[in-house]
């Protein structure tokens, strides 16, 4: 497998204050762990490019993009909501994060890579069409999906989200869209408190009670996601890779292990191999315990490379 690794130094420029869990240290933890394990060196590394206004506007109305631009401070930090803050470089970082997924989609459709991991921040899956929230400004995975549709004519796009929080933004953007299947597992009941009921045929919600461990998680994914994915037969698989369902993560109460992220990545890859000529693009979402985040990302990238998990 040729696995691309896409990131950008500008993703480090966004910060929301010294106490905020979604910090630049997250990307440093991932890079350090992948390098130490010898995994990073086996990937095809490249820099993200900025998403253009036109690319963002496929999922976020222009008036919303303009309103966000007006919020950017000249200095210091401004608050959009209790979780989501912005410094002068935040939207530059967010454009790079969304642009990384676009570059990844280009790579898999052009045959330059089999699969891609975008190690970027800020995350995106809580960003709704007209609402920045939950540490997110632009919906990175949705921007990538819209690019696959606009540039490559993809008509069956699967988005698999295994973050501990539901991908409400992705649902908001694609609900009732027959060309996009959204599968999202999450602790329930829990933030973001919206879209938690499955009211749309193209959305597969997998709510998990606090304390859910490996066995119950894997059974739920197999029972809920696999029938929908086999029926849908996606042309590309996009992954919102949140590692905050790890038992060590401080923000939530699911109890997954490093190896579960290898397992769910392999499952996504098997769907991509069956129906999508291996095309899979993954983008970082949550994960706030730095050591667990590094280990989980290593398990994820090892799976993408076709390597076994070694704990």
C-alpha atoms as a PDB file:
ATOM      1  CA  UNK A   1       0.000   0.000   0.000  1.00  0.00           C
ATOM      2  CA  UNK A   2       1.178   3.513  -0.769  1.00  0.00           C
ATOM      3  CA  UNK A   3       0.037   5.629   2.156  1.00  0.00           C
ATOM      4  CA  UNK A   4       0.312   9.406   1.897  1.00  0.00           C
ATOM      5  CA  UNK A   5       0.796  11.563   4.994  1.00  0.00           C
ATOM      6  CA  UNK A   6      -0.368  15.140   4.569  1.00  0.00           C
ATOM      7  CA  UNK A   7       0.140  17.947   7.066  1.00  0.00           C
ATOM      8  CA  UNK A   8       1.319  21.564   7.129  1.00  0.00           C
ATOM      9  CA  UNK A   9       3.273  23.779   9.561  1.00  0.00           C
ATOM     10  CA  UNK A  10       0.438  26.334   9.475  1.00  0.00           C
ATOM     11  CA  UNK A  11      -1.765  23.853  11.357  1.00  0.00           C
ATOM     12  CA  UNK A  12       0.390  24.591  14.417  1.00  0.00           C
ATOM     13  CA  UNK A  13      -0.365  28.325  14.302  1.00  0.00           C
ATOM     14  CA  UNK A  14      -3.944  27.988  15.533  1.00  0.00           C
ATOM     15  CA  UNK A  15      -4.228  27.901  19.316  1.00  0.00           C
ATOM     16  CA  UNK A  16      -7.024  28.651  21.743  1.00  0.00           C
ATOM     17  CA  UNK A  17      -5.013  29.369  24.888  1.00  0.00           C
ATOM     18  CA  UNK A  18      -2.691  27.323  27.115  1.00  0.00           C
ATOM     19  CA  UNK A  19      -5.439  25.345  28.866  1.00  0.00           C
ATOM     20  CA  UNK A  20      -7.335  24.265  25.758  1.00  0.00           C
ATOM     21  CA  UNK A  21      -7.103  20.521  24.972  1.00  0.00           C
ATOM     22  CA  UNK A  22      -7.171  21.056  21.183  1.00  0.00           C
ATOM     23  CA  UNK A  23      -3.606  22.342  21.013  1.00  0.00           C
ATOM     24  CA  UNK A  24      -0.676  22.271  18.565  1.00  0.00           C
ATOM     25  CA  UNK A  25       0.914  19.650  20.842  1.00  0.00           C
ATOM     26  CA  UNK A  26      -1.495  17.107  19.369  1.00  0.00           C
ATOM     27  CA  UNK A  27       0.214  17.176  15.967  1.00  0.00           C
ATOM     28  CA  UNK A  28       3.647  17.097  17.580  1.00  0.00           C
ATOM     29  CA  UNK A  29       2.621  14.000  19.567  1.00  0.00           C
ATOM     30  CA  UNK A  30       1.492  12.221  16.408  1.00  0.00           C
ATOM     31  CA  UNK A  31       4.582  13.094  14.388  1.00  0.00           C
ATOM     32  CA  UNK A  32       6.949  12.152  17.214  1.00  0.00           C
ATOM     33  CA  UNK A  33       5.264   8.801  17.770  1.00  0.00           C
ATOM     34  CA  UNK A  34       5.115   7.913  14.067  1.00  0.00           C
ATOM     35  CA  UNK A  35       8.758   8.889  13.581  1.00  0.00           C
ATOM     36  CA  UNK A  36       9.911   6.973  16.657  1.00  0.00           C
ATOM     37  CA  UNK A  37       8.046   3.863  15.491  1.00  0.00           C
ATOM     38  CA  UNK A  38       9.609   4.127  12.012  1.00  0.00           C
ATOM     39  CA  UNK A  39       6.144   4.458  10.490  1.00  0.00           C
ATOM     40  CA  UNK A  40       6.340   8.047   9.248  1.00  0.00           C
ATOM     41  CA  UNK A  41       9.341   7.193   7.065  1.00  0.00           C
ATOM     42  CA  UNK A  42       7.283   4.571   5.228  1.00  0.00           C
ATOM     43  CA  UNK A  43       4.669   7.086   4.115  1.00  0.00           C
ATOM     44  CA  UNK A  44       4.737   9.482   1.183  1.00  0.00           C
ATOM     45  CA  UNK A  45       4.880  12.820   2.987  1.00  0.00           C
ATOM     46  CA  UNK A  46       3.576  16.037   1.496  1.00  0.00           C
ATOM     47  CA  UNK A  47       2.322  19.452   2.528  1.00  0.00           C
ATOM     48  CA  UNK A  48      -1.304  20.493   2.421  1.00  0.00           C
ATOM     49  CA  UNK A  49      -2.434  23.419   0.324  1.00  0.00           C
ATOM     50  CA  UNK A  50      -5.052  25.949   1.274  1.00  0.00           C
ATOM     51  CA  UNK A  51      -8.636  25.222   0.389  1.00  0.00           C
ATOM     52  CA  UNK A  52      -9.955  27.973  -1.857  1.00  0.00           C
ATOM     53  CA  UNK A  53     -13.053  30.026  -1.125  1.00  0.00           C
ATOM     54  CA  UNK A  54     -14.841  28.187  -3.949  1.00  0.00           C
ATOM     55  CA  UNK A  55     -13.943  24.780  -2.463  1.00  0.00           C
ATOM     56  CA  UNK A  56     -15.159  25.780   0.999  1.00  0.00           C
ATOM     57  CA  UNK A  57     -18.345  27.300  -0.448  1.00  0.00           C
ATOM     58  CA  UNK A  58     -19.430  23.880  -1.751  1.00  0.00           C
ATOM     59  CA  UNK A  59     -20.430  23.056   1.843  1.00  0.00           C
ATOM     60  CA  UNK A  60     -20.511  26.431   3.676  1.00  0.00           C
ATOM     61  CA  UNK A  61     -22.556  29.340   2.291  1.00  0.00           C
ATOM     62  CA  UNK A  62     -20.502  32.372   1.285  1.00  0.00           C
ATOM     63  CA  UNK A  63     -22.254  34.627   3.792  1.00  0.00           C
ATOM     64  CA  UNK A  64     -21.140  32.268   6.591  1.00  0.00           C
ATOM     65  CA  UNK A  65     -17.552  32.225   5.318  1.00  0.00           C
ATOM     66  CA  UNK A  66     -17.575  36.019   5.219  1.00  0.00           C
ATOM     67  CA  UNK A  67     -18.994  36.215   8.738  1.00  0.00           C
ATOM     68  CA  UNK A  68     -16.204  33.933   9.998  1.00  0.00           C
ATOM     69  CA  UNK A  69     -13.598  36.110   8.278  1.00  0.00           C
ATOM     70  CA  UNK A  70     -14.934  39.120  10.162  1.00  0.00           C
ATOM     71  CA  UNK A  71     -14.397  37.352  13.498  1.00  0.00           C
ATOM     72  CA  UNK A  72     -10.643  36.938  13.071  1.00  0.00           C
ATOM     73  CA  UNK A  73      -8.842  39.131  15.635  1.00  0.00           C
ATOM     74  CA  UNK A  74      -5.792  41.231  14.777  1.00  0.00           C
ATOM     75  CA  UNK A  75      -4.235  39.969  17.991  1.00  0.00           C
ATOM     76  CA  UNK A  76      -5.159  37.831  20.967  1.00  0.00           C
ATOM     77  CA  UNK A  77      -8.022  35.368  21.090  1.00  0.00           C
ATOM     78  CA  UNK A  78     -11.750  35.818  20.492  1.00  0.00           C
ATOM     79  CA  UNK A  79     -14.492  33.424  21.586  1.00  0.00           C
ATOM     80  CA  UNK A  80     -17.029  31.996  19.122  1.00  0.00           C
ATOM     81  CA  UNK A  81     -18.586  29.721  21.732  1.00  0.00           C
ATOM     82  CA  UNK A  82     -17.472  28.258  25.050  1.00  0.00           C
ATOM     83  CA  UNK A  83     -15.380  25.588  23.266  1.00  0.00           C
ATOM     84  CA  UNK A  84     -14.291  27.323  20.101  1.00  0.00           C
ATOM     85  CA  UNK A  85     -11.877  30.231  20.084  1.00  0.00           C
ATOM     86  CA  UNK A  86      -9.963  31.967  17.326  1.00  0.00           C
ATOM     87  CA  UNK A  87      -6.552  33.608  17.109  1.00  0.00           C
ATOM     88  CA  UNK A  88      -5.229  35.641  14.132  1.00  0.00           C
ATOM     89  CA  UNK A  89      -4.013  32.446  12.376  1.00  0.00           C
ATOM     90  CA  UNK A  90      -6.967  30.160  13.056  1.00  0.00           C
ATOM     91  CA  UNK A  91      -8.652  30.395   9.674  1.00  0.00           C
ATOM     92  CA  UNK A  92      -5.324  30.053   7.862  1.00  0.00           C
ATOM     93  CA  UNK A  93      -4.813  26.775   9.749  1.00  0.00           C
ATOM     94  CA  UNK A  94      -8.414  25.741   9.017  1.00  0.00           C
ATOM     95  CA  UNK A  95      -7.981  26.381   5.278  1.00  0.00           C
ATOM     96  CA  UNK A  96      -4.896  24.152   5.325  1.00  0.00           C
ATOM     97  CA  UNK A  97      -6.757  21.425   7.220  1.00  0.00           C
ATOM     98  CA  UNK A  98      -9.581  21.410   4.669  1.00  0.00           C
ATOM     99  CA  UNK A  99      -7.091  21.691   1.811  1.00  0.00           C
ATOM    100  CA  UNK A 100      -5.228  18.625   3.064  1.00  0.00           C
ATOM    101  CA  UNK A 101      -8.319  16.496   2.511  1.00  0.00           C
ATOM    102  CA  UNK A 102      -8.723  17.946  -0.987  1.00  0.00           C
ATOM    103  CA  UNK A 103      -5.108  17.042  -1.766  1.00  0.00           C
ATOM    104  CA  UNK A 104      -5.692  13.560  -0.382  1.00  0.00           C
ATOM    105  CA  UNK A 105      -8.767  13.086  -2.575  1.00  0.00           C
ATOM    106  CA  UNK A 106      -6.685  14.188  -5.575  1.00  0.00           C
ATOM    107  CA  UNK A 107      -3.956  11.678  -4.711  1.00  0.00           C
ATOM    108  CA  UNK A 108      -6.254   8.669  -4.472  1.00  0.00           C
ATOM    109  CA  UNK A 109      -8.251   9.509  -7.600  1.00  0.00           C
ATOM    110  CA  UNK A 110      -5.057  10.122  -9.604  1.00  0.00           C
ATOM    111  CA  UNK A 111      -3.537   6.847  -8.415  1.00  0.00           C
ATOM    112  CA  UNK A 112      -0.674   8.577  -6.609  1.00  0.00           C
ATOM    113  CA  UNK A 113      -1.565   6.871  -3.318  1.00  0.00           C
ATOM    114  CA  UNK A 114      -3.826   4.046  -2.175  1.00  0.00           C
ATOM    115  CA  UNK A 115      -4.832   5.829   0.988  1.00  0.00           C
ATOM    116  CA  UNK A 116      -4.060   9.023   2.888  1.00  0.00           C
ATOM    117  CA  UNK A 117      -3.862  10.261   6.468  1.00  0.00           C
ATOM    118  CA  UNK A 118      -4.270  14.015   6.946  1.00  0.00           C
ATOM    119  CA  UNK A 119      -2.605  14.968  10.243  1.00  0.00           C
ATOM    120  CA  UNK A 120      -4.188  18.383  10.513  1.00  0.00           C
ATOM    121  CA  UNK A 121      -5.995  20.703  12.894  1.00  0.00           C
ATOM    122  CA  UNK A 122      -8.313  22.367  13.655  1.00  0.00           C
ATOM    123  CA  UNK A 123     -10.681  19.403  13.353  1.00  0.00           C
ATOM    124  CA  UNK A 124     -13.854  19.723  11.299  1.00  0.00           C
ATOM    125  CA  UNK A 125     -16.674  17.262  11.900  1.00  0.00           C
ATOM    126  CA  UNK A 126     -18.681  19.492  14.271  1.00  0.00           C
ATOM    127  CA  UNK A 127     -18.715  22.408  11.802  1.00  0.00           C
ATOM    128  CA  UNK A 128     -22.225  22.643  10.385  1.00  0.00           C
ATOM    129  CA  UNK A 129     -23.073  24.403   7.133  1.00  0.00           C
ATOM    130  CA  UNK A 130     -23.578  27.751   8.905  1.00  0.00           C
ATOM    131  CA  UNK A 131     -22.172  27.146  12.390  1.00  0.00           C
ATOM    132  CA  UNK A 132     -18.592  26.852  13.648  1.00  0.00           C
ATOM    133  CA  UNK A 133     -18.602  24.858  16.893  1.00  0.00           C
ATOM    134  CA  UNK A 134     -16.895  22.125  18.891  1.00  0.00           C
ATOM    135  CA  UNK A 135     -13.321  23.283  18.102  1.00  0.00           C
ATOM    136  CA  UNK A 136     -14.215  23.259  14.370  1.00  0.00           C
ATOM    137  CA  UNK A 137     -14.403  26.063  11.777  1.00  0.00           C
ATOM    138  CA  UNK A 138     -14.711  24.347   8.371  1.00  0.00           C
ATOM    139  CA  UNK A 139     -15.918  20.785   7.911  1.00  0.00           C
ATOM    140  CA  UNK A 140     -12.754  19.247   6.484  1.00  0.00           C
ATOM    141  CA  UNK A 141     -14.167  15.845   5.544  1.00  0.00           C
ATOM    142  CA  UNK A 142     -17.249  17.426   3.963  1.00  0.00           C
ATOM    143  CA  UNK A 143     -15.061  19.747   1.876  1.00  0.00           C
ATOM    144  CA  UNK A 144     -13.169  16.651   0.696  1.00  0.00           C
ATOM    145  CA  UNK A 145     -16.392  14.837  -0.149  1.00  0.00           C
ATOM    146  CA  UNK A 146     -17.688  17.820  -2.116  1.00  0.00           C
ATOM    147  CA  UNK A 147     -14.368  17.968  -3.999  1.00  0.00           C
ATOM    148  CA  UNK A 148     -14.614  14.259  -4.900  1.00  0.00           C
ATOM    149  CA  UNK A 149     -18.062  14.937  -6.312  1.00  0.00           C
ATOM    150  CA  UNK A 150     -17.208  18.171  -8.157  1.00  0.00           C
ATOM    151  CA  UNK A 151     -13.814  17.192  -9.568  1.00  0.00           C
ATOM    152  CA  UNK A 152     -14.069  13.418 -10.083  1.00  0.00           C
ATOM    153  CA  UNK A 153     -17.799  12.872 -10.451  1.00  0.00           C
ATOM    154  CA  UNK A 154     -18.013  10.614  -7.393  1.00  0.00           C
ATOM    155  CA  UNK A 155     -21.642   9.707  -6.821  1.00  0.00           C
ATOM    156  CA  UNK A 156     -21.258   7.348  -3.864  1.00  0.00           C
ATOM    157  CA  UNK A 157     -19.180   8.754  -1.027  1.00  0.00           C
ATOM    158  CA  UNK A 158     -18.987   7.027   2.358  1.00  0.00           C
ATOM    159  CA  UNK A 159     -17.921   9.007   5.422  1.00  0.00           C
ATOM    160  CA  UNK A 160     -16.982   6.862   8.445  1.00  0.00           C
ATOM    161  CA  UNK A 161     -16.634   8.786  11.714  1.00  0.00           C
ATOM    162  CA  UNK A 162     -15.352   6.951  14.800  1.00  0.00           C
ATOM    163  CA  UNK A 163     -14.763   9.971  17.020  1.00  0.00           C
ATOM    164  CA  UNK A 164     -16.211   9.818  20.552  1.00  0.00           C
ATOM    165  CA  UNK A 165     -18.486  12.723  19.580  1.00  0.00           C
ATOM    166  CA  UNK A 166     -21.065  12.432  16.829  1.00  0.00           C
ATOM    167  CA  UNK A 167     -20.186  14.101  13.519  1.00  0.00           C
ATOM    168  CA  UNK A 168     -23.131  16.477  13.695  1.00  0.00           C
ATOM    169  CA  UNK A 169     -21.655  18.909  11.183  1.00  0.00           C
ATOM    170  CA  UNK A 170     -21.211  16.200   8.574  1.00  0.00           C
ATOM    171  CA  UNK A 171     -24.817  15.104   9.127  1.00  0.00           C
ATOM    172  CA  UNK A 172     -26.030  18.717   8.911  1.00  0.00           C
ATOM    173  CA  UNK A 173     -24.334  19.169   5.531  1.00  0.00           C
ATOM    174  CA  UNK A 174     -25.280  15.836   3.933  1.00  0.00           C
ATOM    175  CA  UNK A 175     -28.563  14.741   5.576  1.00  0.00           C
ATOM    176  CA  UNK A 176     -30.977  13.467   2.921  1.00  0.00           C
ATOM    177  CA  UNK A 177     -28.193  13.416   0.286  1.00  0.00           C
ATOM    178  CA  UNK A 178     -28.488   9.993  -1.408  1.00  0.00           C
ATOM    179  CA  UNK A 179     -24.941  10.252  -2.806  1.00  0.00           C
ATOM    180  CA  UNK A 180     -23.307  10.426   0.661  1.00  0.00           C
ATOM    181  CA  UNK A 181     -23.538   7.753   3.364  1.00  0.00           C
ATOM    182  CA  UNK A 182     -22.568   8.995   6.847  1.00  0.00           C
ATOM    183  CA  UNK A 183     -21.756   6.379   9.513  1.00  0.00           C
ATOM    184  CA  UNK A 184     -20.937   7.832  12.931  1.00  0.00           C
ATOM    185  CA  UNK A 185     -20.212   6.098  16.244  1.00  0.00           C
ATOM    186  CA  UNK A 186     -20.247   8.133  19.443  1.00  0.00           C
ATOM    187  CA  UNK A 187     -20.804   8.135  23.166  1.00  0.00           C
ATOM    188  CA  UNK A 188     -24.498   8.689  23.930  1.00  0.00           C
ATOM    189  CA  UNK A 189     -25.965  10.800  25.398  1.00  0.00           C
ATOM    190  CA  UNK A 190     -23.180  13.315  24.907  1.00  0.00           C
ATOM    191  CA  UNK A 191     -22.055  16.475  23.129  1.00  0.00           C
ATOM    192  CA  UNK A 192     -23.075  17.805  20.563  1.00  0.00           C
ATOM    193  CA  UNK A 193     -26.677  17.077  21.647  1.00  0.00           C
ATOM    194  CA  UNK A 194     -28.077  17.503  18.113  1.00  0.00           C
ATOM    195  CA  UNK A 195     -28.900  15.095  15.290  1.00  0.00           C
ATOM    196  CA  UNK A 196     -28.686  12.224  17.786  1.00  0.00           C
ATOM    197  CA  UNK A 197     -31.788  10.537  16.353  1.00  0.00           C
ATOM    198  CA  UNK A 198     -31.493   8.732  13.002  1.00  0.00           C
ATOM    199  CA  UNK A 199     -34.071  10.513  10.876  1.00  0.00           C
ATOM    200  CA  UNK A 200     -32.350  10.258   7.496  1.00  0.00           C
ATOM    201  CA  UNK A 201     -31.887   7.188   5.321  1.00  0.00           C
ATOM    202  CA  UNK A 202     -28.274   8.090   4.515  1.00  0.00           C
ATOM    203  CA  UNK A 203     -27.182   8.500   8.163  1.00  0.00           C
ATOM    204  CA  UNK A 204     -26.195   5.507  10.316  1.00  0.00           C
ATOM    205  CA  UNK A 205     -25.943   6.538  13.967  1.00  0.00           C
ATOM    206  CA  UNK A 206     -24.138   4.145  16.316  1.00  0.00           C
ATOM    207  CA  UNK A 207     -24.707   5.452  19.858  1.00  0.00           C
ATOM    208  CA  UNK A 208     -22.576   3.792  22.550  1.00  0.00           C
ATOM    209  CA  UNK A 209     -23.132   4.065  26.306  1.00  0.00           C
ATOM    210  CA  UNK A 210     -20.365   5.408  28.539  1.00  0.00           C
ATOM    211  CA  UNK A 211     -17.966   2.622  29.466  1.00  0.00           C
ATOM    212  CA  UNK A 212     -18.285   0.787  26.142  1.00  0.00           C
ATOM    213  CA  UNK A 213     -15.162  -1.288  25.495  1.00  0.00           C
ATOM    214  CA  UNK A 214     -13.574  -3.071  22.557  1.00  0.00           C
ATOM    215  CA  UNK A 215     -15.956  -5.995  22.117  1.00  0.00           C
ATOM    216  CA  UNK A 216     -19.181  -4.004  22.221  1.00  0.00           C
ATOM    217  CA  UNK A 217     -17.704  -1.304  19.973  1.00  0.00           C
ATOM    218  CA  UNK A 218     -16.642  -3.819  17.331  1.00  0.00           C
ATOM    219  CA  UNK A 219     -19.977  -5.638  17.371  1.00  0.00           C
ATOM    220  CA  UNK A 220     -21.871  -2.355  17.001  1.00  0.00           C
ATOM    221  CA  UNK A 221     -19.733  -1.237  14.042  1.00  0.00           C
ATOM    222  CA  UNK A 222     -20.135  -4.605  12.301  1.00  0.00           C
ATOM    223  CA  UNK A 223     -23.891  -4.711  12.918  1.00  0.00           C
ATOM    224  CA  UNK A 224     -24.641  -1.082  11.998  1.00  0.00           C
ATOM    225  CA  UNK A 225     -22.075  -0.035   9.412  1.00  0.00           C
ATOM    226  CA  UNK A 226     -21.268  -3.113   7.354  1.00  0.00           C
ATOM    227  CA  UNK A 227     -24.780  -3.813   5.955  1.00  0.00           C
ATOM    228  CA  UNK A 228     -25.177  -0.143   4.988  1.00  0.00           C
ATOM    229  CA  UNK A 229     -21.733   0.010   3.381  1.00  0.00           C
ATOM    230  CA  UNK A 230     -22.179  -3.197   1.391  1.00  0.00           C
ATOM    231  CA  UNK A 231     -25.547  -1.980   0.138  1.00  0.00           C
ATOM    232  CA  UNK A 232     -24.135   1.455  -0.737  1.00  0.00           C
ATOM    233  CA  UNK A 233     -20.890   0.322  -2.498  1.00  0.00           C
ATOM    234  CA  UNK A 234     -18.921   3.583  -2.149  1.00  0.00           C
ATOM    235  CA  UNK A 235     -16.554   4.907  -4.813  1.00  0.00           C
ATOM    236  CA  UNK A 236     -14.402   6.538  -2.121  1.00  0.00           C
ATOM    237  CA  UNK A 237     -14.211   6.083   1.639  1.00  0.00           C
ATOM    238  CA  UNK A 238     -13.533   9.142   3.786  1.00  0.00           C
ATOM    239  CA  UNK A 239     -12.718   8.721   7.473  1.00  0.00           C
ATOM    240  CA  UNK A 240     -13.166  11.179  10.319  1.00  0.00           C
ATOM    241  CA  UNK A 241     -10.528   9.657  12.594  1.00  0.00           C
ATOM    242  CA  UNK A 242     -11.176  10.714  16.163  1.00  0.00           C
ATOM    243  CA  UNK A 243      -9.043   9.008  18.792  1.00  0.00           C
ATOM    244  CA  UNK A 244     -10.874  10.416  21.828  1.00  0.00           C
ATOM    245  CA  UNK A 245     -12.855   7.204  22.325  1.00  0.00           C
ATOM    246  CA  UNK A 246      -9.615   5.825  23.834  1.00  0.00           C
ATOM    247  CA  UNK A 247      -9.897   4.707  27.442  1.00  0.00           C
ATOM    248  CA  UNK A 248      -7.202   7.238  28.483  1.00  0.00           C
ATOM    249  CA  UNK A 249      -8.866  10.268  26.877  1.00  0.00           C
ATOM    250  CA  UNK A 250      -9.897  12.916  29.433  1.00  0.00           C
ATOM    251  CA  UNK A 251     -12.857  14.351  27.494  1.00  0.00           C
ATOM    252  CA  UNK A 252     -15.136  11.301  27.367  1.00  0.00           C
ATOM    253  CA  UNK A 253     -15.919   7.872  28.792  1.00  0.00           C
ATOM    254  CA  UNK A 254     -15.560   5.231  26.083  1.00  0.00           C
ATOM    255  CA  UNK A 255     -12.903   2.601  26.728  1.00  0.00           C
ATOM    256  CA  UNK A 256     -11.306   1.698  23.408  1.00  0.00           C
ATOM    257  CA  UNK A 257      -7.733   0.412  23.147  1.00  0.00           C
ATOM    258  CA  UNK A 258      -5.011   1.264  20.621  1.00  0.00           C
ATOM    259  CA  UNK A 259      -5.759  -1.930  18.700  1.00  0.00           C
ATOM    260  CA  UNK A 260      -9.420  -0.973  18.152  1.00  0.00           C
ATOM    261  CA  UNK A 261      -8.316   1.895  15.918  1.00  0.00           C
ATOM    262  CA  UNK A 262      -6.219  -0.531  13.852  1.00  0.00           C
ATOM    263  CA  UNK A 263      -9.260  -2.825  13.617  1.00  0.00           C
ATOM    264  CA  UNK A 264     -11.747  -0.155  12.503  1.00  0.00           C
ATOM    265  CA  UNK A 265      -9.222   1.202   9.990  1.00  0.00           C
ATOM    266  CA  UNK A 266      -8.845  -2.288   8.491  1.00  0.00           C
ATOM    267  CA  UNK A 267     -12.628  -2.535   8.251  1.00  0.00           C
ATOM    268  CA  UNK A 268     -12.771   0.759   6.356  1.00  0.00           C
ATOM    269  CA  UNK A 269      -9.947  -0.400   4.082  1.00  0.00           C
ATOM    270  CA  UNK A 270     -11.746  -3.656   3.285  1.00  0.00           C
ATOM    271  CA  UNK A 271     -14.786  -1.680   2.103  1.00  0.00           C
ATOM    272  CA  UNK A 272     -12.500   0.583   0.045  1.00  0.00           C
ATOM    273  CA  UNK A 273     -10.777  -2.462  -1.483  1.00  0.00           C
ATOM    274  CA  UNK A 274     -14.086  -4.116  -2.397  1.00  0.00           C
ATOM    275  CA  UNK A 275     -15.812  -1.144  -3.981  1.00  0.00           C
ATOM    276  CA  UNK A 276     -13.504   1.881  -4.273  1.00  0.00           C
ATOM    277  CA  UNK A 277     -10.238   0.645  -5.795  1.00  0.00           C
ATOM    278  CA  UNK A 278      -8.688   1.128  -2.305  1.00  0.00           C
ATOM    279  CA  UNK A 279      -9.428   4.875  -2.319  1.00  0.00           C
ATOM    280  CA  UNK A 280      -9.522   6.006   1.322  1.00  0.00           C
ATOM    281  CA  UNK A 281      -8.741   9.418   2.804  1.00  0.00           C
ATOM    282  CA  UNK A 282      -8.612   9.844   6.582  1.00  0.00           C
ATOM    283  CA  UNK A 283      -8.531  13.146   8.470  1.00  0.00           C
ATOM    284  CA  UNK A 284      -7.734  13.707  12.132  1.00  0.00           C
ATOM    285  CA  UNK A 285     -10.616  14.767  14.352  1.00  0.00           C
ATOM    286  CA  UNK A 286     -10.418  14.355  18.157  1.00  0.00           C
ATOM    287  CA  UNK A 287      -7.940  12.796  20.578  1.00  0.00           C
ATOM    288  CA  UNK A 288      -6.688  14.766  23.571  1.00  0.00           C
ATOM    289  CA  UNK A 289      -4.506  12.468  25.691  1.00  0.00           C
ATOM    290  CA  UNK A 290      -1.217  13.080  23.923  1.00  0.00           C
ATOM    291  CA  UNK A 291       0.397   9.694  24.544  1.00  0.00           C
ATOM    292  CA  UNK A 292      -2.778   7.749  23.691  1.00  0.00           C
ATOM    293  CA  UNK A 293      -3.277   9.967  20.630  1.00  0.00           C
ATOM    294  CA  UNK A 294       0.212   9.161  19.356  1.00  0.00           C
ATOM    295  CA  UNK A 295      -0.235   5.429  19.890  1.00  0.00           C
ATOM    296  CA  UNK A 296      -3.696   5.397  18.334  1.00  0.00           C
ATOM    297  CA  UNK A 297      -2.490   7.336  15.286  1.00  0.00           C
ATOM    298  CA  UNK A 298       0.376   4.855  14.951  1.00  0.00           C
ATOM    299  CA  UNK A 299      -2.129   1.964  14.969  1.00  0.00           C
ATOM    300  CA  UNK A 300      -4.228   3.804  12.371  1.00  0.00           C
ATOM    301  CA  UNK A 301      -1.322   4.512  10.015  1.00  0.00           C
ATOM    302  CA  UNK A 302       0.097   0.995  10.410  1.00  0.00           C
ATOM    303  CA  UNK A 303      -3.256  -0.344   9.261  1.00  0.00           C
ATOM    304  CA  UNK A 304      -3.249   2.038   6.295  1.00  0.00           C
ATOM    305  CA  UNK A 305       0.220   0.747   5.360  1.00  0.00           C
ATOM    306  CA  UNK A 306      -1.084  -2.821   5.502  1.00  0.00           C
ATOM    307  CA  UNK A 307       0.955  -3.699   8.570  1.00  0.00           C
ATOM    308  CA  UNK A 308      -0.210  -5.782  11.529  1.00  0.00           C
ATOM    309  CA  UNK A 309      -0.832  -4.288  14.944  1.00  0.00           C
ATOM    310  CA  UNK A 310       1.910  -4.912  17.501  1.00  0.00           C
ATOM    311  CA  UNK A 311       0.997  -3.657  20.959  1.00  0.00           C
END
